[in-house]
Amino acid sequence: MNFTQSEEQKMVLESLRKFLDAEIEPAFRAHGEGFIPREKMQCWTQQLSEYGLIKAPHAEEWGGFGMDWLTHLMVFEEVAYTSLDIAIPGFINCVGAELLRQLGSEELKRKYLPDLISGDKFISMGISEPDVGSDVAAVKTRAVRDGDHWVINGEKTWITNGEYSDVFVCTCKTGEGEVSHILIDREEHGYDVMGIKKLALNGQSTAQVFLSDVRVPVSNTLGELGAGLKNTLKLFEYARCHMAMWGVGVARRAMDESIKYSQERKQHGKPIAGHQLIADKIATMATHIDAARLLTYRAMDMVESGARADKECSMAKWYGTEIAVTAARDAVEIHGGNGVTKEFVVERLARESIISPIPDGTTEIQKLLIARCLTGIQAFR
């Protein structure tokens, strides 16, 4: 494994950083943390896709750059450093497009992939339900066969991109003990959406999705019938690596804000960076960030090589998101009273970091998965 950045990667990240600092950061600051309308989010997503936020790992035949997922993780870290609200919709499009590329028919790929990769359309994926979280096999949303169509009824929750979505990949029960993925086109087949308010990340869309007698062609089934659980677990590998990098981006921003503040703020006749306890916090942040990034790079390298990586992805997701919580909390403490005011970005980072250990399997779930890989004993059932 060689994780030294190539010249191509350095060029991509340098140009992206310049664009983020010059255009996205001031625009996001001016907008604030309120909900970002679809038109504005679409504009930002399209712009960032040209810098690799969606296009990096996808083939040129679909409008991508034909790079790799490791490069995409680097791009995602940079955008997450500036704004998670803006980074997340593109990340969902990128991973959702990969699911469609792997499992969709040629007709579905031709119809949707180019627009998803360019950012012209948004995708969302529905696994969680009001009574179902990490236990994917327990989903209650049902798809009943009626000739050449599925009739789908159910409710999904915590759906990222829900209010923006043009297409929705729904995890459904299609038979006894059988879970499948079905693609629903919002304009053609219809579904209702309602946003969810949270303590942070309200700029992007997290929503409930309601499906009532939604008729979808059987040809919109993704992958083999009944292979939904297996396909979801594979999707989690990509998602958990990105969740880890979400944590790295937030932690790195918290560290940089702390370094800047500690160099400028003076107490007892010297910059607070010269106080040992402050220095300890910053050094710890830097070490945790590098460790989390390397765990994530290793996991994604294994995924791309086709190796079994569920343990490594769980390690990366657990560690990357938890160090973000610690780094953001320490950044608030370094800022003192200023750290809890809206004038300083660390207040927002603290709220965003608290969310990160929860999606795509909580820290506790990741630990159970790691232990299962090590012991061979199933903790769930």
Protein backbone atom coordinates (compact mmCIF):
# COMPACT_ATOMS: atom_id res chain seq x y z
CA MET A 1 0.00 0.00 0.00
CA ASN A 2 1.33 3.39 -1.00
CA PHE A 3 -0.81 6.31 0.11
CA THR A 4 1.54 9.06 -1.02
CA GLN A 5 -0.48 11.46 -3.15
CA SER A 6 0.24 11.29 -6.86
CA GLU A 7 0.89 14.45 -8.86
CA GLU A 8 -2.60 14.11 -10.36
CA GLN A 9 -4.18 13.87 -6.90
CA LYS A 10 -2.20 16.88 -5.69
CA MET A 11 -3.42 18.94 -8.65
CA VAL A 12 -7.04 17.88 -8.10
CA LEU A 13 -6.93 18.74 -4.39
CA GLU A 14 -5.10 22.02 -4.86
CA SER A 15 -7.58 23.31 -7.46
CA LEU A 16 -10.51 22.09 -5.34
CA ARG A 17 -9.16 23.80 -2.21
CA LYS A 18 -8.81 27.09 -4.06
CA PHE A 19 -12.39 26.86 -5.34
CA LEU A 20 -13.77 25.93 -1.93
CA ASP A 21 -11.99 28.81 -0.18
CA ALA A 22 -12.83 31.39 -2.84
CA GLU A 23 -16.41 30.42 -3.72
CA ILE A 24 -18.08 27.80 -1.51
CA GLU A 25 -16.93 28.90 1.96
CA PRO A 26 -18.13 32.51 1.62
CA ALA A 27 -21.36 31.44 -0.10
CA PHE A 28 -22.13 28.90 2.63
CA ARG A 29 -21.32 31.41 5.38
CA ALA A 30 -23.64 33.96 3.76
CA HIS A 31 -26.44 31.40 3.48
CA GLY A 32 -26.15 30.16 7.06
CA GLU A 33 -27.35 26.84 8.44
CA GLY A 34 -30.91 27.03 7.14
CA PHE A 35 -32.21 24.61 4.52
CA ILE A 36 -30.47 25.00 1.16
CA PRO A 37 -33.08 25.10 -1.63
CA ARG A 38 -32.75 22.44 -4.30
CA GLU A 39 -31.72 24.90 -7.01
CA LYS A 40 -28.84 26.26 -4.94
CA MET A 41 -27.73 22.82 -3.76
CA GLN A 42 -27.89 21.53 -7.31
CA CYS A 43 -25.71 24.40 -8.52
CA TRP A 44 -23.08 23.77 -5.85
CA THR A 45 -23.19 20.00 -6.41
CA GLN A 46 -22.76 20.40 -10.15
CA GLN A 47 -19.80 22.73 -9.65
CA LEU A 48 -18.14 20.41 -7.15
CA SER A 49 -18.74 17.37 -9.33
CA GLU A 50 -16.44 19.04 -11.88
CA TYR A 51 -13.76 18.96 -9.16
CA GLY A 52 -14.39 15.25 -8.49
CA LEU A 53 -16.98 15.20 -5.69
CA ILE A 54 -19.12 12.79 -7.76
CA LYS A 55 -17.14 12.25 -10.94
CA ALA A 56 -13.78 11.12 -9.55
CA PRO A 57 -14.35 7.33 -9.25
CA HIS A 58 -16.81 6.83 -12.11
CA ALA A 59 -15.97 5.71 -15.62
CA GLU A 60 -15.60 8.21 -18.44
CA GLU A 61 -18.35 6.48 -20.42
CA TRP A 62 -20.83 7.77 -17.82
CA GLY A 63 -19.29 11.23 -17.59
CA GLY A 64 -16.85 10.49 -14.76
CA PHE A 65 -13.09 11.02 -14.48
CA GLY A 66 -12.13 7.33 -14.32
CA MET A 67 -10.03 7.81 -11.20
CA ASP A 68 -10.30 5.69 -8.03
CA TRP A 69 -12.26 5.68 -4.78
CA LEU A 70 -9.20 6.63 -2.75
CA THR A 71 -9.00 9.87 -4.72
CA HIS A 72 -12.69 10.41 -4.12
CA LEU A 73 -12.15 10.05 -0.36
CA MET A 74 -9.49 12.77 -0.56
CA VAL A 75 -11.89 15.03 -2.46
CA PHE A 76 -14.70 14.32 0.01
CA GLU A 77 -12.45 15.21 2.96
CA GLU A 78 -11.72 18.61 1.42
CA VAL A 79 -15.39 19.41 0.83
CA ALA A 80 -16.37 18.11 4.30
CA TYR A 81 -13.69 20.39 5.78
CA THR A 82 -15.55 23.38 4.29
CA SER A 83 -19.17 22.24 4.66
CA LEU A 84 -20.71 18.87 5.46
CA ASP A 85 -24.09 20.23 4.38
CA ILE A 86 -22.72 20.67 0.87
CA ALA A 87 -20.51 17.58 0.84
CA ILE A 88 -23.17 15.04 1.82
CA PRO A 89 -25.55 15.26 -1.19
CA GLY A 90 -22.65 14.70 -3.60
CA PHE A 91 -21.37 11.76 -1.55
CA ILE A 92 -24.82 10.13 -1.65
CA ASN A 93 -24.99 10.65 -5.42
CA CYS A 94 -21.53 9.12 -5.82
CA VAL A 95 -22.27 6.00 -3.78
CA GLY A 96 -25.81 5.68 -5.16
CA ALA A 97 -24.48 5.85 -8.71
CA GLU A 98 -22.02 3.07 -7.86
CA LEU A 99 -24.87 0.88 -6.59
CA LEU A 100 -26.77 1.52 -9.82
CA ARG A 101 -23.66 0.82 -11.92
CA GLN A 102 -23.09 -2.50 -10.20
CA LEU A 103 -26.68 -3.74 -10.07
CA GLY A 104 -28.82 -1.84 -12.59
CA SER A 105 -29.83 -2.96 -16.06
CA GLU A 106 -28.17 -1.28 -19.03
CA GLU A 107 -31.41 0.61 -19.63
CA LEU A 108 -31.47 2.01 -16.09
CA LYS A 109 -27.79 2.91 -16.23
CA ARG A 110 -28.22 4.80 -19.49
CA LYS A 111 -31.28 6.57 -18.13
CA TYR A 112 -29.91 7.74 -14.78
CA LEU A 113 -26.13 7.45 -14.40
CA PRO A 114 -25.01 10.47 -16.48
CA ASP A 115 -27.39 12.86 -14.66
CA LEU A 116 -26.49 11.49 -11.22
CA ILE A 117 -22.76 11.79 -11.87
CA SER A 118 -23.05 15.33 -13.24
CA GLY A 119 -25.22 16.41 -10.29
CA ASP A 120 -28.18 17.24 -12.54
CA LYS A 121 -30.30 14.76 -10.58
CA PHE A 122 -30.21 13.53 -6.98
CA ILE A 123 -30.54 10.00 -5.66
CA SER A 124 -31.45 8.83 -2.17
CA MET A 125 -31.36 5.36 -0.64
CA GLY A 126 -33.91 4.02 1.81
CA ILE A 127 -32.98 1.37 4.37
CA SER A 128 -33.94 2.72 7.81
CA GLU A 129 -37.57 2.68 8.95
CA PRO A 130 -39.30 4.00 12.08
CA ASP A 131 -38.88 0.60 13.79
CA VAL A 132 -35.86 -0.67 11.83
CA GLY A 133 -32.31 0.66 11.98
CA SER A 134 -29.23 -1.53 11.63
CA ASP A 135 -31.21 -4.77 11.23
CA VAL A 136 -31.68 -4.55 7.46
CA ALA A 137 -33.33 -7.96 7.24
CA ALA A 138 -36.21 -6.70 9.43
CA VAL A 139 -37.49 -4.04 6.99
CA LYS A 140 -41.29 -3.87 6.80
CA THR A 141 -41.74 -1.94 3.55
CA ARG A 142 -43.29 -4.46 1.16
CA ALA A 143 -43.26 -4.81 -2.59
CA VAL A 144 -46.02 -7.11 -3.89
CA ARG A 145 -45.86 -8.43 -7.45
CA ASP A 146 -48.77 -7.45 -9.70
CA GLY A 147 -48.05 -8.65 -13.23
CA ASP A 148 -45.08 -6.69 -14.57
CA HIS A 149 -45.12 -4.25 -11.67
CA TRP A 150 -44.34 -4.04 -7.99
CA VAL A 151 -46.85 -2.35 -5.70
CA ILE A 152 -44.89 -0.83 -2.81
CA ASN A 153 -46.18 0.28 0.58
CA GLY A 154 -44.18 1.45 3.56
CA GLU A 155 -42.30 4.25 5.26
CA LYS A 156 -38.59 5.06 5.32
CA THR A 157 -36.85 7.49 7.65
CA TRP A 158 -33.47 9.25 8.03
CA ILE A 159 -33.22 9.43 4.24
CA THR A 160 -30.39 11.68 3.10
CA ASN A 161 -31.21 13.71 -0.05
CA GLY A 162 -34.88 12.82 0.48
CA GLU A 163 -36.35 16.24 -0.33
CA TYR A 164 -33.96 16.72 -3.27
CA SER A 165 -34.32 13.21 -4.67
CA ASP A 166 -35.33 12.44 -8.24
CA VAL A 167 -34.84 8.70 -7.76
CA PHE A 168 -35.12 6.57 -4.66
CA VAL A 169 -33.53 3.16 -4.13
CA CYS A 170 -35.91 1.41 -1.76
CA THR A 171 -34.98 -1.65 0.30
CA CYS A 172 -38.15 -3.78 0.34
CA LYS A 173 -39.47 -7.14 1.44
CA THR A 174 -40.31 -8.92 -1.82
CA GLY A 175 -41.14 -12.27 -0.23
CA GLU A 176 -40.77 -14.30 2.94
CA GLY A 177 -37.25 -13.72 4.19
CA GLU A 178 -36.46 -11.97 0.91
CA VAL A 179 -35.07 -8.40 0.72
CA SER A 180 -34.55 -6.60 -2.61
CA HIS A 181 -33.65 -3.18 -3.97
CA ILE A 182 -36.11 -1.39 -6.24
CA LEU A 183 -35.49 1.93 -7.98
CA ILE A 184 -38.41 4.39 -7.84
CA ASP A 185 -38.57 7.43 -10.10
CA ARG A 186 -40.19 10.31 -8.21
CA GLU A 187 -41.74 11.90 -11.30
CA GLU A 188 -42.90 8.66 -12.94
CA HIS A 189 -43.99 6.65 -9.90
CA GLY A 190 -44.30 9.16 -7.08
CA TYR A 191 -43.62 9.19 -3.34
CA ASP A 192 -44.15 11.71 -0.57
CA VAL A 193 -41.38 13.33 1.45
CA MET A 194 -41.23 15.25 4.74
CA GLY A 195 -38.06 16.84 6.12
CA ILE A 196 -36.61 16.08 9.57
CA LYS A 197 -35.11 18.83 11.73
CA LYS A 198 -31.92 18.00 13.65
CA LEU A 199 -29.42 19.69 15.96
CA ALA A 200 -27.11 20.26 12.97
CA LEU A 201 -26.81 19.57 9.24
CA ASN A 202 -30.15 21.17 8.46
CA GLY A 203 -28.78 22.78 5.30
CA GLN A 204 -28.99 19.47 3.45
CA SER A 205 -32.01 17.20 3.38
CA THR A 206 -32.76 14.42 5.86
CA ALA A 207 -36.30 13.17 5.42
CA GLN A 208 -39.05 10.64 5.82
CA VAL A 209 -40.30 8.97 2.64
CA PHE A 210 -43.85 7.64 2.41
CA LEU A 211 -44.86 5.02 -0.18
CA SER A 212 -48.53 4.28 -0.74
CA ASP A 213 -49.48 1.83 -3.51
CA VAL A 214 -46.51 2.98 -5.58
CA ARG A 215 -46.45 1.04 -8.86
CA VAL A 216 -42.98 0.38 -10.26
CA PRO A 217 -41.97 -1.86 -13.18
CA VAL A 218 -40.34 -5.13 -12.14
CA SER A 219 -37.52 -4.17 -14.50
CA ASN A 220 -36.55 -1.50 -11.94
CA THR A 221 -35.35 -4.21 -9.56
CA LEU A 222 -31.63 -3.74 -8.88
CA GLY A 223 -29.60 -6.92 -8.82
CA GLU A 224 -30.96 -10.39 -8.17
CA LEU A 225 -34.26 -10.76 -6.41
CA GLY A 226 -33.63 -11.42 -2.72
CA ALA A 227 -30.01 -10.21 -2.84
CA GLY A 228 -30.80 -6.91 -1.13
CA LEU A 229 -29.18 -7.79 2.19
CA LYS A 230 -25.91 -8.88 0.58
CA ASN A 231 -25.87 -5.83 -1.69
CA THR A 232 -26.58 -3.50 1.25
CA LEU A 233 -23.66 -4.91 3.22
CA LYS A 234 -21.37 -4.26 0.24
CA LEU A 235 -22.73 -0.72 -0.06
CA PHE A 236 -21.97 -0.17 3.63
CA GLU A 237 -18.26 -0.65 2.90
CA TYR A 238 -18.21 2.44 0.67
CA ALA A 239 -20.52 4.38 2.98
CA ARG A 240 -18.54 3.63 6.15
CA CYS A 241 -15.29 4.75 4.55
CA HIS A 242 -16.94 8.04 3.64
CA MET A 243 -18.44 8.41 7.10
CA ALA A 244 -14.93 7.98 8.51
CA MET A 245 -13.68 10.68 6.18
CA TRP A 246 -16.61 12.89 7.25
CA GLY A 247 -15.08 12.65 10.74
CA VAL A 248 -11.57 13.38 9.45
CA GLY A 249 -12.78 16.49 7.62
CA VAL A 250 -14.55 17.86 10.69
CA ALA A 251 -11.65 17.01 13.01
CA ARG A 252 -9.11 18.60 10.68
CA ARG A 253 -11.15 21.81 10.49
CA ALA A 254 -11.46 21.82 14.29
CA MET A 255 -7.70 21.42 14.59
CA ASP A 256 -6.91 24.18 12.10
CA GLU A 257 -9.32 26.57 13.81
CA SER A 258 -7.71 25.70 17.15
CA ILE A 259 -4.19 26.27 15.85
CA LYS A 260 -5.11 29.66 14.42
CA TYR A 261 -6.92 30.77 17.58
CA SER A 262 -4.20 29.52 19.93
CA GLN A 263 -1.58 31.46 17.99
CA GLU A 264 -3.57 34.70 18.21
CA ARG A 265 -5.15 34.50 21.68
CA LYS A 266 -2.87 35.59 24.51
CA GLN A 267 -3.15 34.77 28.20
CA HIS A 268 -0.55 35.31 30.94
CA GLY A 269 1.71 37.21 28.58
CA LYS A 270 2.00 34.69 25.73
CA PRO A 271 -0.08 32.97 23.03
CA ILE A 272 -2.12 30.15 24.53
CA ALA A 273 -0.42 27.77 22.05
CA GLY A 274 2.53 28.04 24.41
CA HIS A 275 0.58 26.58 27.32
CA GLN A 276 1.27 22.89 27.73
CA LEU A 277 -2.34 21.72 28.06
CA ILE A 278 -3.32 23.53 24.85
CA ALA A 279 -0.30 22.08 23.06
CA ASP A 280 -1.29 18.61 24.27
CA LYS A 281 -4.80 18.96 22.83
CA ILE A 282 -3.52 20.09 19.43
CA ALA A 283 -0.88 17.36 19.23
CA THR A 284 -3.49 14.74 20.14
CA MET A 285 -5.87 16.03 17.46
CA ALA A 286 -3.17 15.82 14.80
CA THR A 287 -2.20 12.27 15.72
CA HIS A 288 -5.80 11.02 15.86
CA ILE A 289 -6.56 12.63 12.48
CA ASP A 290 -3.61 10.95 10.78
CA ALA A 291 -4.47 7.60 12.35
CA ALA A 292 -8.12 7.85 11.26
CA ARG A 293 -7.15 8.85 7.73
CA LEU A 294 -4.74 5.92 7.40
CA LEU A 295 -7.33 3.46 8.73
CA THR A 296 -9.77 4.76 6.12
CA TYR A 297 -7.28 4.64 3.27
CA ARG A 298 -6.44 1.03 4.14
CA ALA A 299 -10.12 0.06 4.22
CA MET A 300 -10.88 1.66 0.87
CA ASP A 301 -7.76 0.15 -0.68
CA MET A 302 -9.03 -3.28 0.36
CA VAL A 303 -12.53 -2.58 -0.99
CA GLU A 304 -11.11 -1.53 -4.36
CA SER A 305 -8.90 -4.61 -4.52
CA GLY A 306 -11.91 -6.85 -3.95
CA ALA A 307 -10.72 -8.10 -0.56
CA ARG A 308 -13.07 -8.75 2.37
CA ALA A 309 -13.00 -5.47 4.32
CA ASP A 310 -15.99 -5.38 6.67
CA LYS A 311 -13.76 -5.40 9.77
CA GLU A 312 -11.47 -2.69 8.42
CA CYS A 313 -14.38 -0.49 7.26
CA SER A 314 -15.99 -0.79 10.69
CA MET A 315 -12.72 0.14 12.39
CA ALA A 316 -12.35 3.20 10.17
CA LYS A 317 -15.94 4.33 10.67
CA TRP A 318 -15.82 3.90 14.44
CA TYR A 319 -12.49 5.62 14.91
CA GLY A 320 -12.92 8.38 12.33
CA THR A 321 -16.28 9.57 13.63
CA GLU A 322 -15.41 9.32 17.32
CA ILE A 323 -12.16 11.31 16.99
CA ALA A 324 -14.23 14.06 15.34
CA VAL A 325 -16.35 14.34 18.49
CA THR A 326 -13.24 14.60 20.66
CA ALA A 327 -11.47 17.07 18.37
CA ALA A 328 -14.50 19.36 18.09
CA ARG A 329 -15.04 19.31 21.86
CA ASP A 330 -11.38 20.16 22.48
CA ALA A 331 -11.59 22.93 19.90
CA VAL A 332 -14.51 24.48 21.77
CA GLU A 333 -12.54 24.28 25.02
CA ILE A 334 -9.48 25.88 23.40
CA HIS A 335 -11.69 28.75 22.26
CA GLY A 336 -13.07 29.14 25.80
CA GLY A 337 -16.24 31.23 26.00
CA ASN A 338 -15.88 32.18 22.34
CA GLY A 339 -16.19 28.51 21.44
CA VAL A 340 -19.88 28.36 22.31
CA THR A 341 -20.81 31.44 20.30
CA LYS A 342 -22.13 31.46 16.74
CA GLU A 343 -19.28 33.75 15.68
CA PHE A 344 -16.80 30.87 15.71
CA VAL A 345 -17.10 27.83 13.45
CA VAL A 346 -16.10 25.37 16.19
CA GLU A 347 -19.57 25.67 17.72
CA ARG A 348 -21.06 24.29 14.50
CA LEU A 349 -18.39 21.61 14.23
CA ALA A 350 -19.22 20.38 17.74
CA ARG A 351 -22.87 19.87 16.82
CA GLU A 352 -22.04 18.23 13.48
CA SER A 353 -19.51 15.88 15.05
CA ILE A 354 -22.09 14.51 17.52
CA ILE A 355 -24.16 13.24 14.61
CA SER A 356 -21.33 11.44 12.83
CA PRO A 357 -21.09 8.24 14.96
CA ILE A 358 -24.76 7.41 14.28
CA PRO A 359 -25.41 7.00 10.49
CA ASP A 360 -24.45 3.79 8.65
CA GLY A 361 -24.20 1.84 11.89
CA THR A 362 -23.50 3.34 15.30
CA THR A 363 -20.14 2.98 17.04
CA GLU A 364 -21.62 0.16 19.11
CA ILE A 365 -22.71 -1.69 15.95
CA GLN A 366 -19.22 -1.28 14.46
CA LYS A 367 -17.66 -2.84 17.58
CA LEU A 368 -20.01 -5.82 17.34
CA LEU A 369 -19.11 -6.29 13.68
CA ILE A 370 -15.38 -6.12 14.44
CA ALA A 371 -15.73 -8.64 17.26
CA ARG A 372 -17.74 -10.99 15.02
CA CYS A 373 -14.97 -10.90 12.42
CA LEU A 374 -12.38 -11.70 15.08
CA THR A 375 -14.27 -14.38 17.03
CA GLY A 376 -16.59 -15.82 14.40
CA ILE A 377 -19.50 -15.50 16.86
CA GLN A 378 -22.58 -13.55 15.82
CA ALA A 379 -23.73 -10.94 18.36
CA PHE A 380 -27.03 -10.13 16.67
CA ARG A 381 -28.90 -13.43 16.38
